[in-house]
Protein backbone atom coordinates (compact mmCIF):
# COMPACT_ATOMS: atom_id res chain seq x y z
CA MET A 1 59.40 107.25 94.92
CA ARG A 2 60.44 111.01 96.57
CA THR A 3 60.46 114.52 95.43
CA ARG A 4 63.37 115.21 97.78
CA TYR A 5 66.02 114.01 99.77
CA CYS A 6 65.51 114.72 103.43
CA GLY A 7 68.09 117.04 104.04
CA GLU A 8 66.60 119.44 101.40
CA VAL A 9 63.33 120.07 103.38
CA ASP A 10 63.78 123.71 104.81
CA GLN A 11 62.03 126.78 105.42
CA SER A 12 61.29 127.73 101.57
CA LEU A 13 59.10 124.38 101.35
CA GLU A 14 57.07 126.01 103.95
CA GLY A 15 53.48 124.27 102.90
CA ALA A 16 54.23 122.27 100.11
CA GLU A 17 53.70 118.62 100.10
CA VAL A 18 56.76 116.36 99.43
CA GLU A 19 57.72 112.56 99.18
CA LEU A 20 60.00 110.99 101.44
CA SER A 21 62.24 108.02 101.52
CA GLY A 22 64.70 106.74 103.71
CA TRP A 23 65.47 105.06 107.19
CA VAL A 24 64.16 105.29 110.44
CA HIS A 25 67.00 107.30 112.52
CA ARG A 26 64.80 107.30 115.73
CA ARG A 27 60.85 107.06 116.47
CA ARG A 28 59.57 108.80 119.47
CA ASP A 29 55.91 108.62 121.39
CA HIS A 30 54.81 111.94 122.82
CA GLY A 31 51.78 110.64 124.08
CA GLY A 32 49.41 110.50 121.00
CA VAL A 33 51.74 111.78 118.67
CA ILE A 34 54.53 109.94 117.18
CA PHE A 35 57.56 111.65 115.70
CA VAL A 36 59.99 109.97 113.23
CA ASP A 37 63.16 111.25 111.92
CA LEU A 38 63.61 110.18 108.54
CA ARG A 39 67.35 109.88 107.21
CA ASP A 40 68.84 109.65 103.72
CA ARG A 41 72.18 110.69 102.78
CA SER A 42 71.57 114.18 103.00
CA GLY A 43 70.64 114.28 106.51
CA LEU A 44 67.40 113.96 108.57
CA VAL A 45 64.33 115.72 108.56
CA GLN A 46 61.44 115.46 111.63
CA VAL A 47 57.98 113.62 110.29
CA VAL A 48 55.18 113.80 112.54
CA PHE A 49 52.40 111.54 112.58
CA ASP A 50 49.04 112.79 114.40
CA PRO A 51 46.03 109.89 115.66
CA ASP A 52 43.52 112.40 113.05
CA ARG A 53 44.63 109.94 110.19
CA ALA A 54 43.78 106.70 112.20
CA ASP A 55 45.32 104.26 109.63
CA VAL A 56 48.53 105.70 109.20
CA PHE A 57 48.89 106.78 112.83
CA ALA A 58 48.19 102.73 113.79
CA LEU A 59 50.72 101.94 111.08
CA ALA A 60 53.42 104.66 112.31
CA GLU A 61 52.48 103.02 115.37
CA SER A 62 54.36 99.98 114.41
CA ILE A 63 57.75 101.14 112.73
CA ARG A 64 60.73 100.69 114.35
CA GLY A 65 64.34 101.76 113.95
CA GLU A 66 65.85 101.21 110.37
CA PHE A 67 62.64 100.46 108.80
CA VAL A 68 62.52 101.91 105.30
CA LEU A 69 59.59 104.25 104.72
CA GLN A 70 57.93 106.12 101.94
CA VAL A 71 56.58 109.32 103.30
CA ARG A 72 54.29 111.36 101.79
CA GLY A 73 52.92 115.41 103.88
CA ARG A 74 53.44 118.70 103.92
CA VAL A 75 55.89 120.91 105.30
CA ARG A 76 55.59 123.24 108.28
CA PRO A 77 56.84 125.21 110.72
CA ARG A 78 58.34 123.53 114.02
CA PRO A 79 56.57 124.69 117.07
CA GLU A 80 58.49 127.51 119.24
CA GLY A 81 61.02 126.23 121.08
CA THR A 82 61.92 122.92 118.84
CA ILE A 83 63.33 124.39 116.26
CA ASN A 84 66.93 122.64 116.06
CA GLU A 85 69.89 124.51 114.67
CA LYS A 86 71.96 121.80 114.13
CA LEU A 87 70.16 120.53 111.29
CA SER A 88 69.37 122.18 107.54
CA SER A 89 65.47 120.48 108.31
CA GLY A 90 65.28 121.88 111.78
CA HIS A 91 63.04 125.15 111.49
CA VAL A 92 60.23 122.97 109.47
CA GLU A 93 58.98 119.35 110.22
CA VAL A 94 56.73 117.28 107.63
CA LEU A 95 53.31 116.47 108.80
CA GLY A 96 52.73 112.83 107.64
CA THR A 97 49.50 112.00 105.68
CA SER A 98 50.64 108.98 103.87
CA LEU A 99 52.89 106.29 105.16
CA THR A 100 54.39 103.24 103.45
CA VAL A 101 56.46 100.68 105.04
CA LEU A 102 59.01 99.62 102.27
CA ASN A 103 60.51 97.23 104.30
CA ALA A 104 60.54 95.76 107.86
CA ALA A 105 63.95 95.73 109.69
CA GLU A 106 65.63 93.52 112.58
CA THR A 107 67.04 95.73 115.49
CA PRO A 108 70.84 96.24 114.31
CA PRO A 109 73.47 94.97 115.99
CA PHE A 110 74.50 98.57 117.03
CA HIS A 111 72.93 102.17 117.36
CA LEU A 112 74.26 104.50 114.18
CA ASP A 113 74.36 107.16 117.45
CA GLU A 114 77.08 105.13 119.32
CA GLU A 115 80.37 106.42 118.98
CA ASP A 116 82.67 103.40 120.60
CA VAL A 117 81.39 100.18 118.15
CA ASN A 118 84.29 97.52 117.98
CA GLU A 119 85.51 97.53 114.77
CA GLU A 120 85.34 94.09 113.79
CA LEU A 121 81.54 94.19 114.45
CA ARG A 122 81.59 97.65 112.31
CA LEU A 123 83.17 95.57 109.56
CA LYS A 124 81.03 92.44 109.45
CA TYR A 125 77.84 94.45 109.13
CA ARG A 126 79.76 97.64 107.35
CA TYR A 127 76.42 98.19 105.36
CA ILE A 128 74.80 99.58 108.58
CA ASP A 129 78.21 101.27 109.83
CA LEU A 130 78.35 103.09 105.93
CA ARG A 131 74.44 104.18 107.43
CA ARG A 132 76.19 106.48 109.93
CA PRO A 133 76.56 110.24 109.12
CA ARG A 134 79.96 110.33 109.87
CA MET A 135 80.93 107.11 107.18
CA GLN A 136 78.72 108.74 104.71
CA ALA A 137 80.00 112.05 104.69
CA ASN A 138 83.78 110.58 104.66
CA LEU A 139 82.74 109.03 101.53
CA LEU A 140 81.01 111.96 100.22
CA LEU A 141 84.23 113.67 100.86
CA ARG A 142 86.00 111.13 98.88
CA SER A 143 84.15 111.58 95.80
CA GLN A 144 84.66 115.04 96.33
CA VAL A 145 88.35 114.84 96.14
CA THR A 146 88.41 112.57 92.87
CA ARG A 147 86.49 114.54 91.38
CA ALA A 148 88.46 117.90 92.16
CA LEU A 149 91.49 116.32 90.93
CA ARG A 150 90.11 114.45 87.72
CA ARG A 151 89.02 118.00 86.99
CA PHE A 152 92.50 119.80 88.02
CA LEU A 153 94.39 117.25 85.55
CA ASP A 154 91.63 117.19 82.37
CA ASP A 155 92.39 120.93 82.83
CA GLN A 156 95.97 120.25 82.47
CA GLY A 157 95.78 118.29 79.86
CA PHE A 158 96.28 114.74 81.21
CA ILE A 159 94.90 111.45 80.00
CA ASP A 160 93.20 109.12 81.81
CA ILE A 161 94.28 105.83 80.79
CA GLU A 162 93.99 102.27 82.37
CA THR A 163 96.74 99.56 82.98
CA PRO A 164 96.67 96.10 83.45
CA MET A 165 95.49 95.00 86.53
CA LEU A 166 97.15 91.32 86.00
CA THR A 167 100.96 91.50 85.49
CA ARG A 168 104.41 90.52 86.08
CA ALA A 169 105.77 90.14 89.51
CA THR A 170 108.91 92.08 89.94
CA PRO A 171 111.64 92.10 92.83
CA GLU A 172 112.47 95.24 94.90
CA GLY A 173 109.31 96.30 96.41
CA ALA A 174 106.67 94.68 98.91
CA ARG A 175 105.51 91.15 98.71
CA ASP A 176 103.21 90.19 95.31
CA TYR A 177 99.77 88.68 95.36
CA LEU A 178 100.18 86.32 92.96
CA VAL A 179 97.47 84.90 90.85
CA PRO A 180 97.94 81.61 89.27
CA SER A 181 97.22 81.13 85.23
CA ARG A 182 95.08 78.38 84.20
CA THR A 183 96.03 78.69 80.88
CA HIS A 184 99.83 78.63 81.35
CA PRO A 185 100.11 76.05 84.20
CA GLY A 186 102.69 76.52 86.91
CA GLU A 187 103.06 79.99 85.77
CA PHE A 188 101.79 83.44 87.93
CA PHE A 189 100.41 86.69 87.39
CA ALA A 190 101.02 89.55 89.87
CA LEU A 191 98.32 92.20 90.88
CA PRO A 192 100.36 95.57 90.77
CA GLN A 193 101.84 97.39 93.86
CA SER A 194 101.70 100.54 91.22
CA PRO A 195 101.58 100.70 87.63
CA GLN A 196 105.17 101.91 88.15
CA LEU A 197 106.44 100.62 84.38
CA PHE A 198 103.14 100.36 82.59
CA LYS A 199 103.39 104.66 83.22
CA GLN A 200 106.97 104.72 82.04
CA LEU A 201 105.72 102.87 79.21
CA LEU A 202 103.23 105.34 78.36
CA MET A 203 105.60 108.11 78.15
CA MET A 204 107.50 105.97 75.76
CA SER A 205 104.81 105.80 73.85
CA GLY A 206 104.38 109.87 73.30
CA MET A 207 101.17 109.94 75.97
CA ASP A 208 102.90 112.96 77.26
CA ARG A 209 100.86 113.39 80.50
CA TYR A 210 99.25 110.33 81.98
CA TYR A 211 96.55 110.08 84.80
CA GLN A 212 95.05 107.10 86.89
CA ILE A 213 93.00 106.59 89.93
CA VAL A 214 93.87 102.79 90.31
CA ARG A 215 93.52 100.11 92.82
CA CYS A 216 97.14 98.96 93.73
CA PHE A 217 98.02 95.66 95.78
CA ARG A 218 100.75 95.11 98.35
CA ASP A 219 100.98 91.70 100.64
CA GLU A 220 102.64 93.73 103.70
CA ASP A 221 101.92 93.78 107.29
CA LEU A 222 99.26 96.37 107.90
CA ARG A 223 98.83 99.52 110.11
CA ALA A 224 96.71 102.20 110.46
CA ASP A 225 96.90 103.95 107.14
CA ARG A 226 97.72 100.49 105.33
CA GLN A 227 96.06 97.93 103.70
CA PRO A 228 96.44 95.06 101.03
CA GLU A 229 94.21 97.29 98.57
CA PHE A 230 94.54 100.90 97.89
CA THR A 231 93.93 103.40 96.06
CA GLN A 232 96.52 105.72 94.20
CA LEU A 233 96.26 108.70 91.73
CA ASP A 234 98.94 107.93 90.08
CA MET A 235 100.65 110.33 87.03
CA GLU A 236 103.60 110.45 84.55
CA MET A 237 105.01 113.53 82.98
CA SER A 238 107.10 113.77 79.99
CA PHE A 239 109.98 116.63 79.28
CA MET A 240 109.70 118.10 82.94
CA ASP A 241 112.10 118.45 85.50
CA GLU A 242 111.56 118.05 89.19
CA ARG A 243 110.82 121.36 89.98
CA GLU A 244 108.02 121.87 86.98
CA ILE A 245 106.53 118.57 88.22
CA THR A 246 106.18 119.35 91.85
CA ALA A 247 105.08 123.07 91.18
CA ILE A 248 102.14 121.52 89.24
CA MET A 249 101.35 118.80 91.60
CA GLU A 250 101.72 122.23 94.45
CA GLU A 251 98.92 123.82 92.35
CA MET A 252 96.93 120.88 92.23
CA ILE A 253 96.89 120.08 96.12
CA ARG A 254 96.30 123.94 96.45
CA THR A 255 93.43 123.38 94.25
CA LEU A 256 92.22 120.62 95.95
CA PHE A 257 91.78 121.58 99.33
CA ARG A 258 90.56 125.74 98.67
CA GLU A 259 87.65 123.44 96.44
CA VAL A 260 86.63 120.95 98.81
CA LEU A 261 87.58 122.27 102.12
CA ALA A 262 88.12 126.04 101.77
CA VAL A 263 91.39 126.21 102.85
CA GLU A 264 94.17 127.52 101.01
CA PHE A 265 98.05 127.05 101.50
CA GLU A 266 101.12 128.84 101.07
CA ASP A 267 102.78 129.23 98.31
CA PRO A 268 105.30 127.58 97.28
CA PHE A 269 105.45 124.85 99.65
CA PRO A 270 108.54 124.61 101.55
CA ARG A 271 111.33 122.15 100.99
CA MET A 272 113.33 120.43 103.00
CA THR A 273 116.49 118.16 102.07
CA TRP A 274 116.28 114.11 103.28
CA ALA A 275 119.43 114.96 105.37
CA GLU A 276 118.15 117.86 107.04
CA ALA A 277 114.55 116.53 107.78
CA VAL A 278 116.58 112.89 109.50
CA SER A 279 118.41 115.62 111.56
CA ARG A 280 115.87 118.12 112.70
CA PHE A 281 113.07 115.46 113.25
CA GLY A 282 114.59 111.92 113.05
CA ILE A 283 112.08 111.27 110.05
CA ASP A 284 111.92 112.04 106.74
CA ARG A 285 108.16 113.15 106.89
CA PRO A 286 108.11 115.41 110.06
CA ASP A 287 104.91 117.28 111.12
CA LEU A 288 105.84 120.97 111.14
CA ARG A 289 102.80 121.58 113.14
CA ILE A 290 105.30 120.89 116.23
CA PRO A 291 107.94 123.33 117.39
CA LEU A 292 110.25 120.98 118.89
CA GLU A 293 113.85 119.50 117.09
CA LEU A 294 116.24 117.13 117.39
CA VAL A 295 119.58 118.78 118.21
CA ASP A 296 123.04 116.86 117.62
CA VAL A 297 125.55 117.20 121.31
CA GLY A 298 127.60 114.14 120.00
CA ASP A 299 130.87 116.63 120.03
CA LEU A 300 130.11 117.32 123.47
CA MET A 301 130.19 113.58 124.74
CA THR A 302 133.23 112.12 123.27
CA SER A 303 135.55 112.71 126.03
CA VAL A 304 132.70 111.67 129.20
CA ASP A 305 132.89 108.77 131.50
CA PHE A 306 129.37 108.35 130.50
CA LYS A 307 129.74 105.21 128.11
CA VAL A 308 126.17 105.64 127.84
CA PHE A 309 126.71 109.02 125.43
CA ALA A 310 130.39 108.37 125.27
CA GLY A 311 130.38 105.59 123.21
CA PRO A 312 127.56 106.33 120.29
CA ALA A 313 129.15 110.13 120.26
CA SER A 314 132.27 108.16 119.16
CA ASP A 315 130.87 105.71 116.45
CA PRO A 316 130.52 106.82 113.06
CA ALA A 317 127.43 104.49 113.13
CA GLY A 318 126.22 106.40 116.22
CA ARG A 319 124.28 109.55 117.38
CA VAL A 320 123.49 111.69 120.60
CA ALA A 321 120.78 114.02 120.35
CA ALA A 322 119.01 115.87 122.74
CA LEU A 323 114.80 116.96 122.78
CA ARG A 324 114.31 120.38 124.41
CA VAL A 325 110.56 120.34 125.59
CA PRO A 326 109.83 123.77 126.67
CA GLY A 327 107.69 123.69 129.99
CA GLY A 328 107.89 120.13 130.02
CA ALA A 329 109.72 120.33 133.54
CA ARG A 330 106.42 120.19 134.97
CA LEU A 331 106.12 116.55 133.89
CA THR A 332 105.96 113.88 136.46
CA ARG A 333 108.28 110.94 136.90
CA LYS A 334 105.68 108.49 136.13
CA GLU A 335 104.82 110.37 132.90
CA ILE A 336 108.92 110.61 132.23
CA ASP A 337 108.58 106.58 132.39
CA GLU A 338 105.69 106.01 130.36
CA TYR A 339 107.78 108.17 127.53
CA THR A 340 110.34 105.64 128.43
CA ASP A 341 108.43 102.72 127.28
CA TYR A 342 107.15 104.43 124.51
CA VAL A 343 110.54 104.64 123.16
CA GLY A 344 111.53 101.44 124.01
CA ARG A 345 109.20 100.15 121.25
CA TYR A 346 111.86 102.04 118.82
CA GLY A 347 114.71 99.75 120.23
CA ALA A 348 115.80 102.44 122.53
CA ARG A 349 117.31 101.26 125.81
CA GLY A 350 116.63 103.97 128.08
CA LEU A 351 115.38 107.68 127.76
CA ALA A 352 117.71 110.02 129.65
CA TYR A 353 116.69 113.70 130.82
CA ILE A 354 117.47 116.66 132.35
CA LYS A 355 114.69 118.70 134.17
CA VAL A 356 115.58 122.58 134.26
CA ASN A 357 113.88 123.72 137.42
CA ASP A 358 116.16 126.80 137.27
CA LEU A 359 118.10 127.67 134.53
CA ALA A 360 120.03 130.97 136.57
CA ALA A 361 120.57 128.68 139.31
CA GLY A 362 123.17 126.45 137.90
CA ALA A 363 123.78 122.69 138.70
CA ASP A 364 121.54 123.26 141.27
CA GLY A 365 118.50 124.50 139.46
CA LEU A 366 118.87 121.27 136.99
CA GLN A 367 117.26 117.65 138.24
CA SER A 368 118.57 114.31 136.35
CA PRO A 369 119.90 110.91 137.70
CA ILE A 370 122.87 111.61 134.90
CA LEU A 371 124.35 114.89 136.06
CA LYS A 372 126.90 113.00 138.23
CA PHE A 373 128.25 111.12 135.24
CA LEU A 374 128.74 114.62 133.09
CA PRO A 375 130.94 117.76 133.53
CA PRO A 376 129.68 120.79 134.42
CA GLU A 377 131.20 122.59 131.63
CA VAL A 378 129.27 119.60 128.94
CA VAL A 379 126.12 120.17 130.84
CA THR A 380 126.21 124.02 130.57
CA ALA A 381 127.40 123.76 126.58
CA VAL A 382 124.30 121.11 126.33
CA MET A 383 121.98 123.48 127.65
CA GLU A 384 123.48 126.57 125.64
CA ARG A 385 122.84 124.39 122.82
CA CYS A 386 119.43 122.98 123.10
CA ALA A 387 118.25 127.14 124.05
CA ALA A 388 117.08 125.74 127.15
CA GLN A 389 115.06 127.99 129.81
CA SER A 390 113.86 127.55 132.89
CA GLY A 391 110.80 125.38 133.49
CA ASP A 392 112.11 122.90 130.33
CA LEU A 393 113.11 119.39 130.30
CA VAL A 394 115.69 117.85 127.55
CA PHE A 395 115.54 114.37 126.73
CA PHE A 396 118.58 112.78 125.54
CA GLY A 397 118.67 109.80 122.81
CA ALA A 398 122.20 107.90 122.42
CA ASP A 399 122.92 104.81 120.05
CA ARG A 400 123.22 103.92 116.47
CA ALA A 401 121.76 107.00 114.67
CA THR A 402 118.59 104.86 113.15
CA VAL A 403 117.63 103.87 116.67
CA VAL A 404 117.87 107.59 118.23
CA ASN A 405 116.36 109.20 115.27
CA GLU A 406 113.45 106.61 115.13
CA SER A 407 112.63 107.16 119.10
CA LEU A 408 113.12 110.23 119.76
CA GLY A 409 111.15 111.10 116.17
CA ALA A 410 108.27 109.15 117.58
CA LEU A 411 108.84 110.88 121.00
CA ARG A 412 108.60 114.30 119.28
CA VAL A 413 105.30 113.38 117.60
CA ARG A 414 103.71 112.06 121.03
CA LEU A 415 104.79 115.21 122.93
CA GLY A 416 103.14 117.42 120.60
CA HIS A 417 100.29 115.71 120.73
CA ASP A 418 100.40 114.90 124.18
CA LEU A 419 101.41 118.49 125.16
CA ASP A 420 98.99 120.23 123.03
CA MET A 421 101.90 121.51 120.77
CA LEU A 422 100.45 122.10 117.48
CA GLU A 423 100.56 125.54 115.93
CA GLY A 424 98.40 125.76 112.62
CA GLU A 425 96.45 123.08 110.94
CA TRP A 426 97.77 122.01 108.02
CA ARG A 427 101.67 122.00 107.22
CA PRO A 428 102.93 120.44 103.89
CA LEU A 429 106.28 120.13 103.00
CA TRP A 430 108.29 118.54 100.15
CA VAL A 431 110.96 116.39 101.32
CA VAL A 432 113.95 116.32 98.77
CA ASP A 433 117.44 114.71 97.57
CA PHE A 434 116.75 111.47 99.37
CA PRO A 435 119.67 108.58 99.01
CA MET A 436 119.56 106.42 95.94
CA PHE A 437 120.11 103.50 97.97
CA GLU A 438 120.29 102.16 101.69
CA TRP A 439 122.89 99.11 102.51
CA ASP A 440 120.87 96.10 104.37
CA GLU A 441 123.42 94.42 106.91
CA LYS A 442 121.90 91.40 107.25
CA GLU A 443 121.56 90.59 103.05
CA LYS A 444 124.57 92.57 102.95
CA ARG A 445 123.51 94.76 99.54
CA TRP A 446 121.82 97.62 98.44
CA PHE A 447 118.33 98.13 97.74
CA ALA A 448 116.54 101.17 96.34
CA LEU A 449 115.46 103.25 98.61
CA HIS A 450 112.22 104.20 96.52
CA HIS A 451 112.31 101.59 93.21
CA PRO A 452 114.89 101.05 90.88
CA PHE A 453 113.65 103.07 88.31
CA THR A 454 114.77 106.75 90.26
CA ALA A 455 116.81 108.34 88.11
CA PRO A 456 120.38 109.39 89.96
CA ALA A 457 121.64 113.25 90.36
CA VAL A 458 124.54 111.71 88.34
CA ASP A 459 124.97 111.81 84.84
CA ALA A 460 127.63 108.71 84.23
CA PRO A 461 126.53 105.09 85.20
CA ASP A 462 129.91 104.25 86.37
CA GLU A 463 129.97 107.38 88.40
CA LEU A 464 126.72 105.33 90.03
CA GLU A 465 128.06 102.13 90.31
CA LYS A 466 131.04 103.25 91.96
CA ASN A 467 129.92 105.52 94.83
CA PRO A 468 126.40 104.02 95.41
CA GLY A 469 126.08 104.89 98.91
CA GLU A 470 126.43 108.64 98.24
CA ALA A 471 124.27 108.91 95.20
CA ILE A 472 121.44 111.13 95.92
CA SER A 473 118.50 110.27 93.84
CA ARG A 474 116.27 112.76 91.91
CA ALA A 475 112.83 111.86 94.30
CA TYR A 476 110.66 113.86 95.84
CA ASP A 477 108.08 112.95 98.60
CA LEU A 478 104.69 115.55 99.44
CA VAL A 479 104.17 115.37 103.33
CA LEU A 480 101.19 116.78 105.41
CA ASN A 481 100.96 116.63 108.79
CA GLY A 482 103.60 114.26 109.11
CA THR A 483 102.27 111.90 106.96
CA GLU A 484 103.48 111.06 103.52
CA ILE A 485 100.75 111.51 101.14
CA GLY A 486 102.46 111.24 98.12
CA GLY A 487 105.97 110.48 96.48
CA GLY A 488 107.83 110.59 92.95
CA SER A 489 110.82 110.98 90.95
CA ILE A 490 111.88 111.49 87.80
CA ARG A 491 113.05 107.91 86.01
CA ILE A 492 115.89 106.62 84.32
CA HIS A 493 115.22 107.47 80.85
CA ARG A 494 118.74 106.31 79.21
CA GLN A 495 119.28 102.04 79.30
CA ASP A 496 122.78 102.03 80.16
CA MET A 497 121.95 103.97 83.61
CA GLN A 498 118.95 101.22 84.20
CA ALA A 499 121.38 98.62 83.75
CA ALA A 500 124.17 99.96 85.76
CA ALA A 501 120.91 100.73 88.91
CA PHE A 502 120.07 96.90 88.11
CA ARG A 503 123.93 96.35 88.81
CA VAL A 504 124.30 98.02 92.19
CA LEU A 505 121.18 96.28 93.18
CA GLY A 506 122.23 92.93 92.43
CA ILE A 507 120.52 92.01 89.60
CA ASP A 508 122.80 90.43 87.13
CA ALA A 509 122.07 90.89 83.45
CA HIS A 510 120.41 87.88 83.03
CA GLU A 511 117.74 88.52 85.66
CA ALA A 512 117.45 92.10 84.50
CA GLU A 513 116.42 90.75 81.37
CA GLU A 514 114.34 88.13 82.43
CA LYS A 515 112.17 90.50 84.15
CA PHE A 516 112.94 93.82 82.80
CA GLY A 517 113.39 92.76 79.32
CA PHE A 518 110.61 94.43 78.16
CA LEU A 519 112.17 97.97 79.68
CA LEU A 520 115.32 97.78 78.70
CA GLU A 521 114.41 97.41 75.47
CA ALA A 522 111.58 99.92 75.10
CA LEU A 523 114.73 102.28 76.45
CA ARG A 524 116.40 101.79 73.33
CA TYR A 525 113.85 103.28 71.12
CA GLY A 526 113.58 107.14 71.58
CA CYS A 527 112.62 107.52 75.70
CA PRO A 528 112.06 110.77 76.59
CA PRO A 529 113.17 112.30 79.79
CA HIS A 530 110.09 111.85 82.62
CA GLY A 531 108.80 111.82 85.46
CA GLY A 532 105.76 111.73 87.88
CA LEU A 533 104.05 111.02 91.15
CA ALA A 534 101.69 109.16 93.13
CA PHE A 535 99.31 110.40 96.01
CA GLY A 536 97.88 107.69 98.73
CA LEU A 537 94.29 108.95 97.89
CA ASP A 538 92.65 107.21 100.95
CA ARG A 539 95.58 108.64 103.52
CA LEU A 540 94.74 112.11 101.45
CA VAL A 541 91.01 111.37 102.00
CA MET A 542 91.41 110.15 105.99
CA LEU A 543 93.84 113.57 106.49
CA MET A 544 90.94 115.70 104.97
CA ALA A 545 87.91 114.22 106.87
CA GLY A 546 89.86 114.05 110.00
CA ALA A 547 89.99 110.11 110.25
CA ARG A 548 91.99 108.07 112.52
CA SER A 549 92.38 105.54 109.44
CA ILE A 550 92.03 104.82 106.52
CA ARG A 551 89.38 102.49 107.06
CA ASP A 552 87.28 105.01 107.50
CA VAL A 553 87.23 106.45 104.22
CA MET A 554 87.18 103.20 102.63
CA ALA A 555 83.93 101.52 101.80
CA PHE A 556 84.82 98.36 102.62
CA PRO A 557 88.43 97.96 104.22
CA LYS A 558 89.87 94.97 105.16
CA THR A 559 90.78 94.21 109.05
CA GLN A 560 94.42 94.54 110.67
CA SER A 561 95.00 90.41 109.54
CA ALA A 562 93.97 91.48 105.75
CA SER A 563 90.67 89.95 106.07
CA CYS A 564 86.89 91.20 105.62
CA PRO A 565 84.24 90.27 108.11
CA LEU A 566 81.35 90.90 106.01
CA THR A 567 82.14 88.69 103.21
CA ARG A 568 84.30 86.43 104.93
CA ALA A 569 87.56 86.73 102.45
CA PRO A 570 89.90 85.23 102.02
CA GLY A 571 88.50 81.34 101.87
CA PRO A 572 89.13 78.30 100.78
CA ALA A 573 88.93 77.67 97.15
CA ASP A 574 87.33 73.61 96.08
CA ALA A 575 89.23 71.05 94.47
CA ARG A 576 87.66 71.41 91.12
CA GLN A 577 89.35 75.16 91.06
CA LEU A 578 92.67 74.15 92.35
CA GLN A 579 92.65 71.26 89.97
CA GLU A 580 91.87 73.67 86.79
CA LEU A 581 94.62 75.68 88.22
CA GLY A 582 97.51 72.41 88.79
CA LEU A 583 97.80 73.28 92.17
CA LYS A 584 97.79 71.07 95.47
CA LEU A 585 97.62 72.37 98.78
CA ARG A 586 100.28 70.95 101.38
CA PRO A 587 99.47 70.73 104.97
CA ARG A 588 101.21 73.44 107.13
CA SER A 589 104.13 72.27 109.43
CA GLY A 590 102.23 71.31 112.90
CA SER A 591 99.04 71.07 111.45
């Protein structure tokens, strides 16, 4: 039904007859001549209908936006003064000689050129939203990305292997999506949160290098970069340590950005320990484009009378940190109050600050409500440690270390964007040497910081059990512009070490056998050292596309409440289905 895509019609086709099919992007009637911008996924081309062909012209008068057309015509240069340099077809137009309306269309709920369309409306009419050039470009980019990744991994000897979608629920992660079994009444499958155990079993099977672009499911609270179902590029490798694995992954990312975006990354990527990242940036996924860092000043505050600072400074679980903002003295009190409200979202009870109006003037050149509580020598020492200059502003966080890190870490990112401080376009970073476990004060037990199959940086199981809070894992995350795009680790490949890790996590032998017996048994039959990594494909494409949310790079995403306005999923099951599954719905309390 066509000889060319609309976006392919250019000066090289002048004088040629073409057949085109697409949607009416715009229709304009200019006093006896009708112009139609015809659109398909490749772009736009201007089609002209004149009254010399009365039947074609009469039909052209009846068409409206989003009508589906087939057009035949001759390519000719645009008249002088009407060239559109923004379009690949902008130097030419098609004089329409034949027109077929393949399908009429009602007026859509929003125009494709509208920018601020309500997202709920966009998702309800996703098939219209996906006609927008920006959305089509995002999905075409996603296709380019997956093609480049597959090509690289195929060339490196990886095997593409599918793993089950119906599997077993496992602890230590997010909530599972459960699927009731009709053939096993009262029992449930779980949709996989990741193919973790299966890819480890593939290494035990001798597959050596595995990859899969796989759908994963997590029933968790949503945000801009989370969805209940998402896509991972999942990989696992045998007989490789963390340096070898991160090296090959680096090369994959460099190749991807070079081929798809014509961007060159540094070689090698910088590395930073988890402890250093949290200390300097308050977060384990720092955006290195922002030249702001947290500086510890707690040791200077232990003896001051100002309990807001002295208390956390003397508490082993507390932290007092400063964040110097170059040129920040220009911020108004109203702006500072807005930042104070902002850090309150992260648990901070306030946001102390000192404006450095004139450093050479000493105390007279400083401005702050807290100066009266701090000895001059402490203030001087703080200014020196922060390397403050005239015109700067220094923010302070004083609380539990987790609150200070989260609040000042978030403030650092907000200031970097608000004050246009970003340096460079792309800054990758490996974060390594994560803690093996984290303590949950509510449940009074250890949790795996990554997952319970991550190898510790110790050789003896008893050493792991003796000091779980000090244990470092052989894990690594790849961070790009403040977003974690991939994470992985060397895995435990010995049965005794895996059993020890389970015991630290409070998983006794019976529970371990019940839920992971197949893994523990497999480890007894010659498991090679192995490790892997998974990239969040949606996040990666979101960054590459410059999109604001992963929903803008997914064809049919869910809303923030994990629902689909298009299909109205989730929906109720009928009584017969429930009966076959042996399920009965109980009324919710209060209903």
